[in-house]
C-alpha atoms as a PDB file:
ATOM      1  CA  MET A   1     -88.646 -61.847  85.531  1.00  0.00           C
ATOM      2  CA  LEU A   2     -86.258 -60.153  87.881  1.00  0.00           C
ATOM      3  CA  GLU A   3     -87.756 -57.813  90.458  1.00  0.00           C
ATOM      4  CA  SER A   4     -84.980 -56.535  92.706  1.00  0.00           C
ATOM      5  CA  LEU A   5     -81.937 -56.091  90.535  1.00  0.00           C
ATOM      6  CA  PRO A   6     -79.195 -53.550  91.137  1.00  0.00           C
ATOM      7  CA  LEU A   7     -79.531 -50.485  88.932  1.00  0.00           C
ATOM      8  CA  GLU A   8     -76.639 -49.129  86.902  1.00  0.00           C
ATOM      9  CA  ASN A   9     -76.608 -45.534  88.074  1.00  0.00           C
ATOM     10  CA  SER A  10     -75.063 -43.245  90.618  1.00  0.00           C
ATOM     11  CA  TYR A  11     -77.953 -43.357  93.098  1.00  0.00           C
ATOM     12  CA  PRO A  12     -77.196 -44.780  96.528  1.00  0.00           C
ATOM     13  CA  SER A  13     -78.657 -48.232  97.109  1.00  0.00           C
ATOM     14  CA  ASN A  14     -81.163 -46.834  99.614  1.00  0.00           C
ATOM     15  CA  VAL A  15     -83.068 -44.883  96.914  1.00  0.00           C
ATOM     16  CA  LYS A  16     -86.364 -46.650  96.275  1.00  0.00           C
ATOM     17  CA  LEU A  17     -89.137 -46.464  93.698  1.00  0.00           C
ATOM     18  CA  LYS A  18     -92.079 -47.082  96.015  1.00  0.00           C
ATOM     19  CA  TYR A  19     -95.297 -48.640  94.757  1.00  0.00           C
ATOM     20  CA  LYS A  20     -98.673 -49.694  96.108  1.00  0.00           C
ATOM     21  CA  LYS A  21    -101.083 -52.212  94.602  1.00  0.00           C
ATOM     22  CA  LEU A  22    -104.588 -50.764  94.366  1.00  0.00           C
ATOM     23  CA  SER A  23    -106.326 -54.078  93.698  1.00  0.00           C
ATOM     24  CA  TYR A  24    -105.699 -57.806  93.682  1.00  0.00           C
ATOM     25  CA  GLN A  25    -105.495 -57.534  89.873  1.00  0.00           C
ATOM     26  CA  ALA A  26    -102.318 -55.414  89.999  1.00  0.00           C
ATOM     27  CA  THR A  27     -98.994 -56.993  89.065  1.00  0.00           C
ATOM     28  CA  THR A  28     -95.727 -55.849  90.626  1.00  0.00           C
ATOM     29  CA  PRO A  29     -93.575 -54.005  88.036  1.00  0.00           C
ATOM     30  CA  THR A  30     -90.553 -56.069  86.993  1.00  0.00           C
ATOM     31  CA  ARG A  31     -87.269 -55.653  85.169  1.00  0.00           C
ATOM     32  CA  GLY A  32     -86.670 -58.210  82.453  1.00  0.00           C
ATOM     33  CA  SER A  33     -82.888 -58.286  82.747  1.00  0.00           C
ATOM     34  CA  LEU A  34     -80.020 -56.983  84.837  1.00  0.00           C
ATOM     35  CA  PHE A  35     -79.482 -53.991  82.549  1.00  0.00           C
ATOM     36  CA  ALA A  36     -83.099 -53.281  81.575  1.00  0.00           C
ATOM     37  CA  ALA A  37     -83.699 -49.525  81.532  1.00  0.00           C
ATOM     38  CA  GLY A  38     -87.249 -49.735  82.806  1.00  0.00           C
ATOM     39  CA  TYR A  39     -89.767 -51.677  84.837  1.00  0.00           C
ATOM     40  CA  ASP A  40     -92.405 -53.555  82.852  1.00  0.00           C
ATOM     41  CA  LEU A  41     -95.942 -52.362  83.566  1.00  0.00           C
ATOM     42  CA  TYR A  42     -98.835 -54.820  83.452  1.00  0.00           C
ATOM     43  CA  ALA A  43    -102.487 -54.415  82.494  1.00  0.00           C
ATOM     44  CA  ALA A  44    -104.831 -54.938  85.441  1.00  0.00           C
ATOM     45  CA  HIS A  45    -107.899 -55.337  83.208  1.00  0.00           C
ATOM     46  CA  GLU A  46    -108.780 -56.655  79.758  1.00  0.00           C
ATOM     47  CA  ALA A  47    -109.207 -54.244  76.856  1.00  0.00           C
ATOM     48  CA  THR A  48    -109.485 -54.213  73.075  1.00  0.00           C
ATOM     49  CA  ILE A  49    -107.986 -51.450  70.939  1.00  0.00           C
ATOM     50  CA  PRO A  50    -109.385 -51.162  67.401  1.00  0.00           C
ATOM     51  CA  PRO A  51    -107.129 -50.292  64.456  1.00  0.00           C
ATOM     52  CA  GLY A  52    -106.445 -46.552  64.624  1.00  0.00           C
ATOM     53  CA  GLY A  53    -107.825 -46.421  68.163  1.00  0.00           C
ATOM     54  CA  ARG A  54    -106.470 -45.663  71.595  1.00  0.00           C
ATOM     55  CA  GLU A  55    -107.238 -46.847  75.103  1.00  0.00           C
ATOM     56  CA  LEU A  56    -106.243 -45.962  78.662  1.00  0.00           C
ATOM     57  CA  ILE A  57    -104.948 -49.147  80.266  1.00  0.00           C
ATOM     58  CA  LYS A  58    -104.968 -49.097  84.077  1.00  0.00           C
ATOM     59  CA  THR A  59    -102.216 -50.907  85.977  1.00  0.00           C
ATOM     60  CA  ASP A  60    -103.855 -50.588  89.409  1.00  0.00           C
ATOM     61  CA  ILE A  61    -100.438 -49.475  90.676  1.00  0.00           C
ATOM     62  CA  GLN A  62     -99.657 -46.244  92.517  1.00  0.00           C
ATOM     63  CA  ILE A  63     -96.045 -45.036  92.627  1.00  0.00           C
ATOM     64  CA  GLU A  64     -93.872 -42.643  94.607  1.00  0.00           C
ATOM     65  CA  LEU A  65     -90.881 -41.597  92.533  1.00  0.00           C
ATOM     66  CA  PRO A  66     -87.521 -40.799  94.151  1.00  0.00           C
ATOM     67  CA  GLU A  67     -86.613 -37.163  94.755  1.00  0.00           C
ATOM     68  CA  GLY A  68     -85.167 -35.493  91.654  1.00  0.00           C
ATOM     69  CA  CYS A  69     -86.907 -37.891  89.264  1.00  0.00           C
ATOM     70  CA  TYR A  70     -89.965 -38.197  87.072  1.00  0.00           C
ATOM     71  CA  GLY A  71     -91.376 -41.309  85.464  1.00  0.00           C
ATOM     72  CA  ARG A  72     -91.431 -41.820  81.717  1.00  0.00           C
ATOM     73  CA  VAL A  73     -93.801 -44.424  80.328  1.00  0.00           C
ATOM     74  CA  ALA A  74     -92.176 -45.862  77.215  1.00  0.00           C
ATOM     75  CA  PRO A  75     -93.332 -48.373  74.597  1.00  0.00           C
ATOM     76  CA  ARG A  76     -92.254 -51.996  74.533  1.00  0.00           C
ATOM     77  CA  SER A  77     -90.300 -52.650  71.349  1.00  0.00           C
ATOM     78  CA  GLY A  78     -91.968 -56.007  70.669  1.00  0.00           C
ATOM     79  CA  LEU A  79     -95.476 -54.524  70.789  1.00  0.00           C
ATOM     80  CA  ALA A  80     -94.406 -51.685  68.500  1.00  0.00           C
ATOM     81  CA  LEU A  81     -92.749 -53.925  65.905  1.00  0.00           C
ATOM     82  CA  LYS A  82     -95.160 -56.859  65.905  1.00  0.00           C
ATOM     83  CA  HIS A  83     -98.491 -55.079  66.456  1.00  0.00           C
ATOM     84  CA  GLY A  84     -98.033 -51.334  65.815  1.00  0.00           C
ATOM     85  CA  ILE A  85     -98.760 -50.500  69.478  1.00  0.00           C
ATOM     86  CA  ASP A  86     -97.261 -47.256  70.803  1.00  0.00           C
ATOM     87  CA  VAL A  87     -97.471 -45.253  74.034  1.00  0.00           C
ATOM     88  CA  GLY A  88     -98.664 -41.665  74.390  1.00  0.00           C
ATOM     89  CA  ALA A  89     -98.760 -39.098  77.208  1.00  0.00           C
ATOM     90  CA  GLY A  90     -95.875 -40.740  79.008  1.00  0.00           C
ATOM     91  CA  VAL A  91     -94.756 -38.285  81.711  1.00  0.00           C
ATOM     92  CA  ILE A  92     -95.511 -39.045  85.362  1.00  0.00           C
ATOM     93  CA  ASP A  93     -94.862 -36.172  87.752  1.00  0.00           C
ATOM     94  CA  ARG A  94     -93.262 -36.980  91.097  1.00  0.00           C
ATOM     95  CA  ASP A  95     -96.313 -35.745  93.029  1.00  0.00           C
ATOM     96  CA  TYR A  96     -98.877 -37.856  91.087  1.00  0.00           C
ATOM     97  CA  ARG A  97    -100.478 -40.509  93.280  1.00  0.00           C
ATOM     98  CA  GLY A  98    -103.300 -41.838  91.121  1.00  0.00           C
ATOM     99  CA  ASN A  99    -103.762 -45.167  89.391  1.00  0.00           C
ATOM    100  CA  LEU A 100    -100.907 -45.430  86.901  1.00  0.00           C
ATOM    101  CA  GLY A 101    -102.496 -45.586  83.456  1.00  0.00           C
ATOM    102  CA  VAL A 102    -100.887 -46.206  80.089  1.00  0.00           C
ATOM    103  CA  VAL A 103    -102.301 -44.584  76.938  1.00  0.00           C
ATOM    104  CA  LEU A 104    -101.867 -47.103  74.117  1.00  0.00           C
ATOM    105  CA  PHE A 105    -102.341 -46.298  70.422  1.00  0.00           C
ATOM    106  CA  ASN A 106    -103.000 -49.026  67.874  1.00  0.00           C
ATOM    107  CA  PHE A 107    -101.316 -48.089  64.595  1.00  0.00           C
ATOM    108  CA  GLY A 108    -101.727 -51.675  63.356  1.00  0.00           C
ATOM    109  CA  GLU A 109    -104.366 -53.053  60.994  1.00  0.00           C
ATOM    110  CA  GLN A 110    -105.864 -55.580  63.444  1.00  0.00           C
ATOM    111  CA  TYR A 111    -107.783 -55.287  66.702  1.00  0.00           C
ATOM    112  CA  PHE A 112    -105.327 -55.613  69.592  1.00  0.00           C
ATOM    113  CA  GLU A 113    -106.468 -57.677  72.581  1.00  0.00           C
ATOM    114  CA  ILE A 114    -105.017 -56.968  76.019  1.00  0.00           C
ATOM    115  CA  LYS A 115    -105.446 -59.532  78.765  1.00  0.00           C
ATOM    116  CA  LYS A 116    -105.045 -58.991  82.496  1.00  0.00           C
ATOM    117  CA  GLY A 117    -101.361 -59.449  83.305  1.00  0.00           C
ATOM    118  CA  ASP A 118    -100.045 -58.522  79.833  1.00  0.00           C
ATOM    119  CA  ARG A 119     -96.980 -56.302  79.772  1.00  0.00           C
ATOM    120  CA  VAL A 120     -98.119 -53.088  78.085  1.00  0.00           C
ATOM    121  CA  ALA A 121     -95.304 -50.552  78.602  1.00  0.00           C
ATOM    122  CA  GLN A 122     -92.220 -49.833  80.644  1.00  0.00           C
ATOM    123  CA  LEU A 123     -91.637 -47.267  83.360  1.00  0.00           C
ATOM    124  CA  ILE A 124     -88.277 -45.510  83.238  1.00  0.00           C
ATOM    125  CA  CYS A 125     -87.210 -43.439  86.220  1.00  0.00           C
ATOM    126  CA  GLU A 126     -85.338 -40.400  84.883  1.00  0.00           C
ATOM    127  CA  ARG A 127     -83.587 -37.535  86.587  1.00  0.00           C
ATOM    128  CA  ILE A 128     -85.079 -34.124  86.001  1.00  0.00           C
ATOM    129  CA  PHE A 129     -83.684 -30.613  86.031  1.00  0.00           C
ATOM    130  CA  CYS A 130     -86.145 -27.742  86.479  1.00  0.00           C
ATOM    131  CA  PRO A 131     -84.359 -24.414  86.000  1.00  0.00           C
ATOM    132  CA  GLU A 132     -85.958 -21.151  87.030  1.00  0.00           C
ATOM    133  CA  LEU A 133     -87.639 -19.338  84.119  1.00  0.00           C
ATOM    134  CA  MET A 134     -86.243 -15.976  83.066  1.00  0.00           C
ATOM    135  CA  GLU A 135     -88.029 -13.855  80.452  1.00  0.00           C
ATOM    136  CA  CYS A 136     -85.597 -12.033  78.137  1.00  0.00           C
ATOM    137  CA  GLU A 137     -85.811  -9.402  75.415  1.00  0.00           C
ATOM    138  CA  SER A 138     -83.313 -11.343  73.257  1.00  0.00           C
ATOM    139  CA  LEU A 139     -81.480 -14.668  73.223  1.00  0.00           C
ATOM    140  CA  ALA A 140     -77.933 -15.601  72.166  1.00  0.00           C
ATOM    141  CA  GLU A 141     -77.503 -15.918  68.379  1.00  0.00           C
ATOM    142  CA  THR A 142     -76.512 -19.310  66.909  1.00  0.00           C
ATOM    143  CA  ASP A 143     -75.412 -20.503  63.457  1.00  0.00           C
ATOM    144  CA  ARG A 144     -78.594 -22.560  63.193  1.00  0.00           C
ATOM    145  CA  GLY A 145     -80.918 -19.735  64.178  1.00  0.00           C
ATOM    146  CA  SER A 146     -84.591 -20.594  63.693  1.00  0.00           C
ATOM    147  CA  ASN A 147     -83.978 -23.344  61.103  1.00  0.00           C
ATOM    148  CA  GLY A 148     -85.682 -26.565  62.166  1.00  0.00           C
ATOM    149  CA  TYR A 149     -87.854 -29.427  61.008  1.00  0.00           C
ATOM    150  CA  GLY A 150     -85.181 -31.299  59.067  1.00  0.00           C
ATOM    151  CA  SER A 151     -82.953 -28.322  58.246  1.00  0.00           C
ATOM    152  CA  THR A 152     -79.828 -30.186  59.413  1.00  0.00           C
ATOM    153  CA  GLY A 153     -80.574 -33.200  57.220  1.00  0.00           C
ATOM    154  CA  VAL A 154     -83.035 -36.049  57.083  1.00  0.00           C
END
C-alpha cells in the first residue's frame, strides 16, 4: 500500500488531510495506487453483518478535512461485486471530529465477517460548493420540466 502519494488535482502540495488515531487498533488510511481516487479505510474491530443487515464499522480514526472539502465514504468495488457489501450515509462534514464510522449494508446471501484491519470502504476528499439559498416565486422553465424518474430513457 502506498501512503504518501502525490494527488492528481490542482491543490497546492501543502494541503493536508489530517488524521488522528483514536486507539492502537486504528490503521492509517492508505491509497492503493498512484491514481487511486480515495484512501482505503480499515475496520478497527471485528463485526458480522447478516444477510439483509447493516452495521456501523468504526475505524478509530478522526479526520480534519482541508478547507473547501467534504469527505465522501464510498464502497470498495471488490466487496460490492464479490459479497454484495455496499456503503450508506457516506457524507462527512468538514467540522465533524468524531470516530469515523462506515455504515455497511449486506445485500448478499451469506453472513459477512469483518476482521480488524480489513479494508471496508474508501474515503474520497471532494470539493464542495455551498451557494446561498434564495427563495423564489417561480423558477426558469426548461424543456424537461418536472419529468423525472427515467423520463429521459432507461
